[in-house]
Amino acid sequence: MYFCTELIKPKQKPKMKKVLSIVAVAVLSAAFVSCGPSKEELAAKQKQTEDSLAAVAQQQADSLAKVAEAEAAAAAEATAKMAADSTRMADSVAAATKGKKK
């Protein structure tokens, strides 16, 4: 009889180890899943990222607009200076030709 109980015990121990290992895996899996961020937290993080990207895009557009505005002002100033120089040259040439006719 002792021999029979010894044959039964080794078969029960591996089965018990399997059951315990399955339970341990299930508990650890549940722990990993429950520790993650919630859907609301993920949505808030996504919205924050989108808002940051929109702000950067707006700043970039504003910066490009300021550069274009500055270039236009510089071009207008250069045009005005060229017109003033042309007028001055024309007046100078006209004054020089009037002096020669007399």
PDB file of N, CA and C in Angstrom:
ATOM      1  N   MET A   1       0.809  -1.178   0.000  1.00  0.00           N
ATOM      2  CA  MET A   1       0.000   0.000   0.000  1.00  0.00           C
ATOM      3  C   MET A   1       0.864   1.259   0.000  1.00  0.00           C
ATOM      4  N   TYR A   2       1.890   1.226   0.702  1.00  0.00           N
ATOM      5  CA  TYR A   2       2.814   2.349   0.714  1.00  0.00           C
ATOM      6  C   TYR A   2       3.336   2.612  -0.699  1.00  0.00           C
ATOM      7  N   PHE A   3       3.596   1.549  -1.393  1.00  0.00           N
ATOM      8  CA  PHE A   3       4.083   1.644  -2.757  1.00  0.00           C
ATOM      9  C   PHE A   3       3.054   2.323  -3.667  1.00  0.00           C
ATOM     10  N   CYS A   4       1.828   2.066  -3.485  1.00  0.00           N
ATOM     11  CA  CYS A   4       0.761   2.663  -4.286  1.00  0.00           C
ATOM     12  C   CYS A   4       0.638   4.159  -3.994  1.00  0.00           C
ATOM     13  N   THR A   5       0.766   4.527  -2.752  1.00  0.00           N
ATOM     14  CA  THR A   5       0.665   5.958  -2.432  1.00  0.00           C
ATOM     15  C   THR A   5       1.852   6.732  -2.985  1.00  0.00           C
ATOM     16  N   GLU A   6       2.994   6.079  -3.054  1.00  0.00           N
ATOM     17  CA  GLU A   6       4.162   6.737  -3.620  1.00  0.00           C
ATOM     18  C   GLU A   6       3.990   6.936  -5.132  1.00  0.00           C
ATOM     19  N   LEU A   7       3.316   6.046  -5.790  1.00  0.00           N
ATOM     20  CA  LEU A   7       3.082   6.192  -7.207  1.00  0.00           C
ATOM     21  C   LEU A   7       2.068   7.301  -7.506  1.00  0.00           C
ATOM     22  N   ILE A   8       1.141   7.503  -6.633  1.00  0.00           N
ATOM     23  CA  ILE A   8       0.100   8.519  -6.821  1.00  0.00           C
ATOM     24  C   ILE A   8       0.648   9.910  -6.518  1.00  0.00           C
ATOM     25  N   LYS A   9       1.472  10.066  -5.481  1.00  0.00           N
ATOM     26  CA  LYS A   9       1.970  11.380  -5.071  1.00  0.00           C
ATOM     27  C   LYS A   9       2.782  12.080  -6.164  1.00  0.00           C
ATOM     28  N   PRO A  10       3.694  11.435  -6.822  1.00  0.00           N
ATOM     29  CA  PRO A  10       4.444  12.156  -7.847  1.00  0.00           C
ATOM     30  C   PRO A  10       3.563  12.658  -8.985  1.00  0.00           C
ATOM     31  N   LYS A  11       2.486  11.973  -9.276  1.00  0.00           N
ATOM     32  CA  LYS A  11       1.599  12.426 -10.339  1.00  0.00           C
ATOM     33  C   LYS A  11       0.829  13.666  -9.904  1.00  0.00           C
ATOM     34  N   GLN A  12       0.521  13.788  -8.626  1.00  0.00           N
ATOM     35  CA  GLN A  12      -0.236  14.938  -8.149  1.00  0.00           C
ATOM     36  C   GLN A  12       0.632  16.188  -8.086  1.00  0.00           C
ATOM     37  N   LYS A  13       1.898  16.069  -7.749  1.00  0.00           N
ATOM     38  CA  LYS A  13       2.745  17.239  -7.604  1.00  0.00           C
ATOM     39  C   LYS A  13       2.929  17.985  -8.928  1.00  0.00           C
ATOM     40  N   PRO A  14       3.243  17.340 -10.041  1.00  0.00           N
ATOM     41  CA  PRO A  14       3.378  18.092 -11.287  1.00  0.00           C
ATOM     42  C   PRO A  14       2.079  18.773 -11.696  1.00  0.00           C
ATOM     43  N   LYS A  15       0.947  18.118 -11.426  1.00  0.00           N
ATOM     44  CA  LYS A  15      -0.333  18.722 -11.754  1.00  0.00           C
ATOM     45  C   LYS A  15      -0.540  19.979 -10.912  1.00  0.00           C
ATOM     46  N   MET A  16      -0.158  19.913  -9.661  1.00  0.00           N
ATOM     47  CA  MET A  16      -0.298  21.058  -8.767  1.00  0.00           C
ATOM     48  C   MET A  16       0.630  22.190  -9.217  1.00  0.00           C
ATOM     49  N   LYS A  17       1.817  21.857  -9.672  1.00  0.00           N
ATOM     50  CA  LYS A  17       2.744  22.872 -10.157  1.00  0.00           C
ATOM     51  C   LYS A  17       2.177  23.550 -11.396  1.00  0.00           C
ATOM     52  N   LYS A  18       1.555  22.784 -12.268  1.00  0.00           N
ATOM     53  CA  LYS A  18       0.952  23.363 -13.465  1.00  0.00           C
ATOM     54  C   LYS A  18      -0.161  24.324 -13.087  1.00  0.00           C
ATOM     55  N   VAL A  19      -0.990  23.891 -12.146  1.00  0.00           N
ATOM     56  CA  VAL A  19      -2.103  24.738 -11.720  1.00  0.00           C
ATOM     57  C   VAL A  19      -1.570  26.024 -11.098  1.00  0.00           C
ATOM     58  N   LEU A  20      -0.576  25.903 -10.239  1.00  0.00           N
ATOM     59  CA  LEU A  20      -0.007  27.102  -9.607  1.00  0.00           C
ATOM     60  C   LEU A  20       0.658  28.014 -10.638  1.00  0.00           C
ATOM     61  N   SER A  21       1.347  27.437 -11.592  1.00  0.00           N
ATOM     62  CA  SER A  21       1.994  28.275 -12.602  1.00  0.00           C
ATOM     63  C   SER A  21       0.959  28.980 -13.477  1.00  0.00           C
ATOM     64  N   ILE A  22      -0.126  28.308 -13.799  1.00  0.00           N
ATOM     65  CA  ILE A  22      -1.195  28.937 -14.584  1.00  0.00           C
ATOM     66  C   ILE A  22      -1.845  30.067 -13.793  1.00  0.00           C
ATOM     67  N   VAL A  23      -2.091  29.827 -12.520  1.00  0.00           N
ATOM     68  CA  VAL A  23      -2.674  30.868 -11.663  1.00  0.00           C
ATOM     69  C   VAL A  23      -1.711  32.043 -11.549  1.00  0.00           C
ATOM     70  N   ALA A  24      -0.418  31.765 -11.388  1.00  0.00           N
ATOM     71  CA  ALA A  24       0.572  32.842 -11.276  1.00  0.00           C
ATOM     72  C   ALA A  24       0.640  33.664 -12.558  1.00  0.00           C
ATOM     73  N   VAL A  25       0.604  33.008 -13.691  1.00  0.00           N
ATOM     74  CA  VAL A  25       0.620  33.721 -14.969  1.00  0.00           C
ATOM     75  C   VAL A  25      -0.632  34.575 -15.115  1.00  0.00           C
ATOM     76  N   ALA A  26      -1.771  34.060 -14.733  1.00  0.00           N
ATOM     77  CA  ALA A  26      -3.026  34.815 -14.821  1.00  0.00           C
ATOM     78  C   ALA A  26      -2.978  36.044 -13.919  1.00  0.00           C
ATOM     79  N   VAL A  27      -2.462  35.889 -12.702  1.00  0.00           N
ATOM     80  CA  VAL A  27      -2.382  37.010 -11.768  1.00  0.00           C
ATOM     81  C   VAL A  27      -1.421  38.079 -12.295  1.00  0.00           C
ATOM     82  N   LEU A  28      -0.272  37.662 -12.792  1.00  0.00           N
ATOM     83  CA  LEU A  28       0.691  38.623 -13.329  1.00  0.00           C
ATOM     84  C   LEU A  28       0.150  39.323 -14.568  1.00  0.00           C
ATOM     85  N   SER A  29      -0.546  38.597 -15.404  1.00  0.00           N
ATOM     86  CA  SER A  29      -1.144  39.223 -16.586  1.00  0.00           C
ATOM     87  C   SER A  29      -2.178  40.264 -16.188  1.00  0.00           C
ATOM     88  N   ALA A  30      -3.002  39.934 -15.228  1.00  0.00           N
ATOM     89  CA  ALA A  30      -4.009  40.885 -14.747  1.00  0.00           C
ATOM     90  C   ALA A  30      -3.335  42.103 -14.134  1.00  0.00           C
ATOM     91  N   ALA A  31      -2.231  41.901 -13.430  1.00  0.00           N
ATOM     92  CA  ALA A  31      -1.524  43.023 -12.809  1.00  0.00           C
ATOM     93  C   ALA A  31      -0.945  43.943 -13.883  1.00  0.00           C
ATOM     94  N   PHE A  32      -0.378  43.390 -14.947  1.00  0.00           N
ATOM     95  CA  PHE A  32       0.182  44.220 -15.999  1.00  0.00           C
ATOM     96  C   PHE A  32      -0.900  44.996 -16.739  1.00  0.00           C
ATOM     97  N   VAL A  33      -2.011  44.367 -16.976  1.00  0.00           N
ATOM     98  CA  VAL A  33      -3.096  45.036 -17.691  1.00  0.00           C
ATOM     99  C   VAL A  33      -3.716  46.129 -16.837  1.00  0.00           C
ATOM    100  N   SER A  34      -3.874  45.896 -15.577  1.00  0.00           N
ATOM    101  CA  SER A  34      -4.533  46.879 -14.715  1.00  0.00           C
ATOM    102  C   SER A  34      -3.635  48.061 -14.397  1.00  0.00           C
ATOM    103  N   CYS A  35      -2.335  47.944 -14.552  1.00  0.00           N
ATOM    104  CA  CYS A  35      -1.425  49.038 -14.230  1.00  0.00           C
ATOM    105  C   CYS A  35      -1.249  50.012 -15.389  1.00  0.00           C
ATOM    106  N   GLY A  36      -1.755  49.727 -16.541  1.00  0.00           N
ATOM    107  CA  GLY A  36      -1.593  50.599 -17.700  1.00  0.00           C
ATOM    108  C   GLY A  36      -2.487  51.829 -17.604  1.00  0.00           C
ATOM    109  N   PRO A  37      -2.254  52.825 -18.477  1.00  0.00           N
ATOM    110  CA  PRO A  37      -3.071  54.033 -18.455  1.00  0.00           C
ATOM    111  C   PRO A  37      -4.489  53.751 -18.955  1.00  0.00           C
ATOM    112  N   SER A  38      -5.417  54.536 -18.446  1.00  0.00           N
ATOM    113  CA  SER A  38      -6.810  54.352 -18.845  1.00  0.00           C
ATOM    114  C   SER A  38      -7.053  55.000 -20.211  1.00  0.00           C
ATOM    115  N   LYS A  39      -8.221  54.760 -20.772  1.00  0.00           N
ATOM    116  CA  LYS A  39      -8.554  55.331 -22.078  1.00  0.00           C
ATOM    117  C   LYS A  39      -8.617  56.857 -21.993  1.00  0.00           C
ATOM    118  N   GLU A  40      -9.126  57.371 -20.885  1.00  0.00           N
ATOM    119  CA  GLU A  40      -9.209  58.815 -20.714  1.00  0.00           C
ATOM    120  C   GLU A  40      -7.816  59.433 -20.672  1.00  0.00           C
ATOM    121  N   GLU A  41      -6.886  58.774 -19.990  1.00  0.00           N
ATOM    122  CA  GLU A  41      -5.520  59.289 -19.920  1.00  0.00           C
ATOM    123  C   GLU A  41      -4.857  59.261 -21.298  1.00  0.00           C
ATOM    124  N   LEU A  42      -5.094  58.196 -22.045  1.00  0.00           N
ATOM    125  CA  LEU A  42      -4.534  58.109 -23.390  1.00  0.00           C
ATOM    126  C   LEU A  42      -5.120  59.190 -24.297  1.00  0.00           C
ATOM    127  N   ALA A  43      -6.421  59.438 -24.183  1.00  0.00           N
ATOM    128  CA  ALA A  43      -7.071  60.464 -24.992  1.00  0.00           C
ATOM    129  C   ALA A  43      -6.552  61.852 -24.617  1.00  0.00           C
ATOM    130  N   ALA A  44      -6.365  62.103 -23.330  1.00  0.00           N
ATOM    131  CA  ALA A  44      -5.842  63.396 -22.893  1.00  0.00           C
ATOM    132  C   ALA A  44      -4.422  63.611 -23.405  1.00  0.00           C
ATOM    133  N   LYS A  45      -3.622  62.575 -23.368  1.00  0.00           N
ATOM    134  CA  LYS A  45      -2.248  62.683 -23.864  1.00  0.00           C
ATOM    135  C   LYS A  45      -2.242  62.933 -25.369  1.00  0.00           C
ATOM    136  N   GLN A  46      -3.116  62.266 -26.102  1.00  0.00           N
ATOM    137  CA  GLN A  46      -3.215  62.466 -27.547  1.00  0.00           C
ATOM    138  C   GLN A  46      -3.655  63.891 -27.869  1.00  0.00           C
ATOM    139  N   LYS A  47      -4.626  64.405 -27.118  1.00  0.00           N
ATOM    140  CA  LYS A  47      -5.108  65.771 -27.338  1.00  0.00           C
ATOM    141  C   LYS A  47      -4.006  66.778 -27.030  1.00  0.00           C
ATOM    142  N   GLN A  48      -3.253  66.540 -25.976  1.00  0.00           N
ATOM    143  CA  GLN A  48      -2.154  67.425 -25.618  1.00  0.00           C
ATOM    144  C   GLN A  48      -1.105  67.450 -26.735  1.00  0.00           C
ATOM    145  N   THR A  49      -0.805  66.302 -27.297  1.00  0.00           N
ATOM    146  CA  THR A  49       0.160  66.222 -28.391  1.00  0.00           C
ATOM    147  C   THR A  49      -0.351  66.984 -29.612  1.00  0.00           C
ATOM    148  N   GLU A  50      -1.623  66.808 -29.944  1.00  0.00           N
ATOM    149  CA  GLU A  50      -2.201  67.507 -31.094  1.00  0.00           C
ATOM    150  C   GLU A  50      -2.203  69.015 -30.875  1.00  0.00           C
ATOM    151  N   ASP A  51      -2.519  69.455 -29.643  1.00  0.00           N
ATOM    152  CA  ASP A  51      -2.504  70.880 -29.334  1.00  0.00           C
ATOM    153  C   ASP A  51      -1.099  71.457 -29.460  1.00  0.00           C
ATOM    154  N   SER A  52      -0.107  70.711 -29.005  1.00  0.00           N
ATOM    155  CA  SER A  52       1.277  71.172 -29.110  1.00  0.00           C
ATOM    156  C   SER A  52       1.697  71.303 -30.573  1.00  0.00           C
ATOM    157  N   LEU A  53       1.331  70.328 -31.377  1.00  0.00           N
ATOM    158  CA  LEU A  53       1.664  70.386 -32.799  1.00  0.00           C
ATOM    159  C   LEU A  53       0.972  71.561 -33.487  1.00  0.00           C
ATOM    160  N   ALA A  54      -0.275  71.825 -33.113  1.00  0.00           N
ATOM    161  CA  ALA A  54      -1.008  72.949 -33.697  1.00  0.00           C
ATOM    162  C   ALA A  54      -0.356  74.273 -33.302  1.00  0.00           C
ATOM    163  N   ALA A  55       0.098  74.390 -32.054  1.00  0.00           N
ATOM    164  CA  ALA A  55       0.752  75.614 -31.595  1.00  0.00           C
ATOM    165  C   ALA A  55       2.063  75.843 -32.345  1.00  0.00           C
ATOM    166  N   VAL A  56       2.820  74.788 -32.556  1.00  0.00           N
ATOM    167  CA  VAL A  56       4.079  74.909 -33.293  1.00  0.00           C
ATOM    168  C   VAL A  56       3.814  75.318 -34.733  1.00  0.00           C
ATOM    169  N   ALA A  57       2.812  74.728 -35.350  1.00  0.00           N
ATOM    170  CA  ALA A  57       2.460  75.084 -36.731  1.00  0.00           C
ATOM    171  C   ALA A  57       2.032  76.543 -36.824  1.00  0.00           C
ATOM    172  N   GLN A  58       1.274  77.023 -35.837  1.00  0.00           N
ATOM    173  CA  GLN A  58       0.830  78.419 -35.828  1.00  0.00           C
ATOM    174  C   GLN A  58       2.017  79.360 -35.666  1.00  0.00           C
ATOM    175  N   GLN A  59       2.952  79.018 -34.779  1.00  0.00           N
ATOM    176  CA  GLN A  59       4.137  79.850 -34.589  1.00  0.00           C
ATOM    177  C   GLN A  59       4.973  79.894 -35.867  1.00  0.00           C
ATOM    178  N   GLN A  60       5.083  78.766 -36.548  1.00  0.00           N
ATOM    179  CA  GLN A  60       5.840  78.713 -37.794  1.00  0.00           C
ATOM    180  C   GLN A  60       5.179  79.590 -38.857  1.00  0.00           C
ATOM    181  N   ALA A  61       3.873  79.523 -38.958  1.00  0.00           N
ATOM    182  CA  ALA A  61       3.150  80.347 -39.932  1.00  0.00           C
ATOM    183  C   ALA A  61       3.313  81.829 -39.607  1.00  0.00           C
ATOM    184  N   ASP A  62       3.238  82.191 -38.328  1.00  0.00           N
ATOM    185  CA  ASP A  62       3.425  83.584 -37.925  1.00  0.00           C
ATOM    186  C   ASP A  62       4.835  84.067 -38.262  1.00  0.00           C
ATOM    187  N   SER A  63       5.818  83.213 -38.015  1.00  0.00           N
ATOM    188  CA  SER A  63       7.208  83.563 -38.304  1.00  0.00           C
ATOM    189  C   SER A  63       7.419  83.785 -39.801  1.00  0.00           C
ATOM    190  N   LEU A  64       6.852  82.897 -40.617  1.00  0.00           N
ATOM    191  CA  LEU A  64       6.973  83.049 -42.065  1.00  0.00           C
ATOM    192  C   LEU A  64       6.274  84.316 -42.553  1.00  0.00           C
ATOM    193  N   ALA A  65       5.154  84.664 -41.939  1.00  0.00           N
ATOM    194  CA  ALA A  65       4.435  85.882 -42.317  1.00  0.00           C
ATOM    195  C   ALA A  65       5.271  87.117 -41.970  1.00  0.00           C
ATOM    196  N   LYS A  66       5.930  87.094 -40.822  1.00  0.00           N
ATOM    197  CA  LYS A  66       6.779  88.231 -40.436  1.00  0.00           C
ATOM    198  C   LYS A  66       7.963  88.373 -41.389  1.00  0.00           C
ATOM    199  N   VAL A  67       8.542  87.272 -41.801  1.00  0.00           N
ATOM    200  CA  VAL A  67       9.659  87.315 -42.742  1.00  0.00           C
ATOM    201  C   VAL A  67       9.196  87.885 -44.080  1.00  0.00           C
ATOM    202  N   ALA A  68       8.057  87.437 -44.562  1.00  0.00           N
ATOM    203  CA  ALA A  68       7.528  87.940 -45.834  1.00  0.00           C
ATOM    204  C   ALA A  68       7.228  89.434 -45.725  1.00  0.00           C
ATOM    205  N   GLU A  69       6.697  89.856 -44.596  1.00  0.00           N
ATOM    206  CA  GLU A  69       6.390  91.272 -44.368  1.00  0.00           C
ATOM    207  C   GLU A  69       7.672  92.106 -44.362  1.00  0.00           C
ATOM    208  N   ALA A  70       8.710  91.596 -43.706  1.00  0.00           N
ATOM    209  CA  ALA A  70       9.986  92.304 -43.654  1.00  0.00           C
ATOM    210  C   ALA A  70      10.628  92.382 -45.040  1.00  0.00           C
ATOM    211  N   GLU A  71      10.529  91.308 -45.820  1.00  0.00           N
ATOM    212  CA  GLU A  71      11.063  91.326 -47.185  1.00  0.00           C
ATOM    213  C   GLU A  71      10.323  92.336 -48.050  1.00  0.00           C
ATOM    214  N   ALA A  72       9.012  92.409 -47.898  1.00  0.00           N
ATOM    215  CA  ALA A  72       8.221  93.370 -48.671  1.00  0.00           C
ATOM    216  C   ALA A  72       8.594  94.797 -48.289  1.00  0.00           C
ATOM    217  N   ALA A  73       8.796  95.051 -47.003  1.00  0.00           N
ATOM    218  CA  ALA A  73       9.183  96.388 -46.558  1.00  0.00           C
ATOM    219  C   ALA A  73      10.570  96.750 -47.086  1.00  0.00           C
ATOM    220  N   ALA A  74      11.493  95.791 -47.076  1.00  0.00           N
ATOM    221  CA  ALA A  74      12.839  96.049 -47.595  1.00  0.00           C
ATOM    222  C   ALA A  74      12.793  96.324 -49.095  1.00  0.00           C
ATOM    223  N   ALA A  75      11.965  95.593 -49.827  1.00  0.00           N
ATOM    224  CA  ALA A  75      11.831  95.809 -51.268  1.00  0.00           C
ATOM    225  C   ALA A  75      11.227  97.180 -51.550  1.00  0.00           C
ATOM    226  N   ALA A  76      10.239  97.586 -50.779  1.00  0.00           N
ATOM    227  CA  ALA A  76       9.616  98.893 -50.962  1.00  0.00           C
ATOM    228  C   ALA A  76      10.624 100.007 -50.658  1.00  0.00           C
ATOM    229  N   GLU A  77      11.414  99.819 -49.635  1.00  0.00           N
ATOM    230  CA  GLU A  77      12.425 100.810 -49.281  1.00  0.00           C
ATOM    231  C   GLU A  77      13.484 100.915 -50.385  1.00  0.00           C
ATOM    232  N   ALA A  78      13.906  99.782 -50.919  1.00  0.00           N
ATOM    233  CA  ALA A  78      14.888  99.785 -51.997  1.00  0.00           C
ATOM    234  C   ALA A  78      14.321 100.451 -53.244  1.00  0.00           C
ATOM    235  N   THR A  79      13.057 100.213 -53.547  1.00  0.00           N
ATOM    236  CA  THR A  79      12.410 100.833 -54.705  1.00  0.00           C
ATOM    237  C   THR A  79      12.327 102.343 -54.532  1.00  0.00           C
ATOM    238  N   ALA A  80      11.971 102.776 -53.333  1.00  0.00           N
ATOM    239  CA  ALA A  80      11.887 104.216 -53.053  1.00  0.00           C
ATOM    240  C   ALA A  80      13.262 104.867 -53.166  1.00  0.00           C
ATOM    241  N   LYS A  81      14.282 104.190 -52.681  1.00  0.00           N
ATOM    242  CA  LYS A  81      15.641 104.731 -52.759  1.00  0.00           C
ATOM    243  C   LYS A  81      16.096 104.820 -54.212  1.00  0.00           C
ATOM    244  N   MET A  82      15.781 103.779 -55.016  1.00  0.00           N
ATOM    245  CA  MET A  82      16.152 103.818 -56.429  1.00  0.00           C
ATOM    246  C   MET A  82      15.421 104.946 -57.153  1.00  0.00           C
ATOM    247  N   ALA A  83      14.164 105.160 -56.817  1.00  0.00           N
ATOM    248  CA  ALA A  83      13.396 106.237 -57.441  1.00  0.00           C
ATOM    249  C   ALA A  83      13.984 107.596 -57.059  1.00  0.00           C
ATOM    250  N   ALA A  84      14.364 107.751 -55.790  1.00  0.00           N
ATOM    251  CA  ALA A  84      14.968 109.006 -55.344  1.00  0.00           C
ATOM    252  C   ALA A  84      16.311 109.228 -56.027  1.00  0.00           C
ATOM    253  N   ASP A  85      17.104 108.161 -56.161  1.00  0.00           N
ATOM    254  CA  ASP A  85      18.394 108.286 -56.844  1.00  0.00           C
ATOM    255  C   ASP A  85      18.201 108.639 -58.316  1.00  0.00           C
ATOM    256  N   SER A  86      17.213 108.031 -58.948  1.00  0.00           N
ATOM    257  CA  SER A  86      16.934 108.324 -60.359  1.00  0.00           C
ATOM    258  C   SER A  86      16.493 109.770 -60.535  1.00  0.00           C
ATOM    259  N   THR A  87      15.652 110.229 -59.640  1.00  0.00           N
ATOM    260  CA  THR A  87      15.182 111.616 -59.695  1.00  0.00           C
ATOM    261  C   THR A  87      16.352 112.574 -59.492  1.00  0.00           C
ATOM    262  N   ARG A  88      17.199 112.271 -58.551  1.00  0.00           N
ATOM    263  CA  ARG A  88      18.358 113.112 -58.271  1.00  0.00           C
ATOM    264  C   ARG A  88      19.284 113.145 -59.480  1.00  0.00           C
ATOM    265  N   MET A  89      19.520 111.971 -60.095  1.00  0.00           N
ATOM    266  CA  MET A  89      20.372 111.910 -61.285  1.00  0.00           C
ATOM    267  C   MET A  89      19.755 112.700 -62.434  1.00  0.00           C
ATOM    268  N   ALA A  90      18.445 112.540 -62.628  1.00  0.00           N
ATOM    269  CA  ALA A  90      17.766 113.267 -63.714  1.00  0.00           C
ATOM    270  C   ALA A  90      17.857 114.768 -63.484  1.00  0.00           C
ATOM    271  N   ASP A  91      17.674 115.216 -62.244  1.00  0.00           N
ATOM    272  CA  ASP A  91      17.784 116.643 -61.919  1.00  0.00           C
ATOM    273  C   ASP A  91      19.214 117.133 -62.158  1.00  0.00           C
ATOM    274  N   SER A  92      20.174 116.310 -61.804  1.00  0.00           N
ATOM    275  CA  SER A  92      21.575 116.666 -61.982  1.00  0.00           C
ATOM    276  C   SER A  92      21.921 116.786 -63.461  1.00  0.00           C
ATOM    277  N   VAL A  93      21.450 115.837 -64.267  1.00  0.00           N
ATOM    278  CA  VAL A  93      21.691 115.877 -65.711  1.00  0.00           C
ATOM    279  C   VAL A  93      20.978 117.070 -66.326  1.00  0.00           C
ATOM    280  N   ALA A  94      19.762 117.352 -65.896  1.00  0.00           N
ATOM    281  CA  ALA A  94      19.014 118.483 -66.426  1.00  0.00           C
ATOM    282  C   ALA A  94      19.701 119.792 -66.071  1.00  0.00           C
ATOM    283  N   ALA A  95      20.232 119.896 -64.881  1.00  0.00           N
ATOM    284  CA  ALA A  95      20.931 121.106 -64.461  1.00  0.00           C
ATOM    285  C   ALA A  95      22.218 121.265 -65.239  1.00  0.00           C
ATOM    286  N   ALA A  96      22.866 120.161 -65.523  1.00  0.00           N
ATOM    287  CA  ALA A  96      24.128 120.234 -66.285  1.00  0.00           C
ATOM    288  C   ALA A  96      23.862 120.634 -67.733  1.00  0.00           C
ATOM    289  N   THR A  97      22.788 120.161 -68.335  1.00  0.00           N
ATOM    290  CA  THR A  97      22.484 120.520 -69.723  1.00  0.00           C
ATOM    291  C   THR A  97      21.972 121.951 -69.826  1.00  0.00           C
ATOM    292  N   LYS A  98      21.322 122.494 -68.830  1.00  0.00           N
ATOM    293  CA  LYS A  98      20.852 123.892 -68.846  1.00  0.00           C
ATOM    294  C   LYS A  98      22.032 124.834 -68.784  1.00  0.00           C
ATOM    295  N   GLY A  99      23.018 124.447 -68.007  1.00  0.00           N
ATOM    296  CA  GLY A  99      24.203 125.287 -67.875  1.00  0.00           C
ATOM    297  C   GLY A  99      25.001 125.344 -69.159  1.00  0.00           C
ATOM    298  N   LYS A 100      24.989 124.327 -69.971  1.00  0.00           N
ATOM    299  CA  LYS A 100      25.761 124.294 -71.224  1.00  0.00           C
ATOM    300  C   LYS A 100      25.078 125.066 -72.334  1.00  0.00           C
ATOM    301  N   LYS A 101      23.764 125.185 -72.333  1.00  0.00           N
ATOM    302  CA  LYS A 101      23.026 125.862 -73.381  1.00  0.00           C
ATOM    303  C   LYS A 101      23.202 127.375 -73.280  1.00  0.00           C
ATOM    304  N   LYS A 102      23.468 127.880 -72.150  1.00  0.00           N
ATOM    305  CA  LYS A 102      23.566 129.331 -71.960  1.00  0.00           C
ATOM    306  C   LYS A 102      24.823 129.806 -72.497  1.00  0.00           C
TER     307      LYS A 102
END
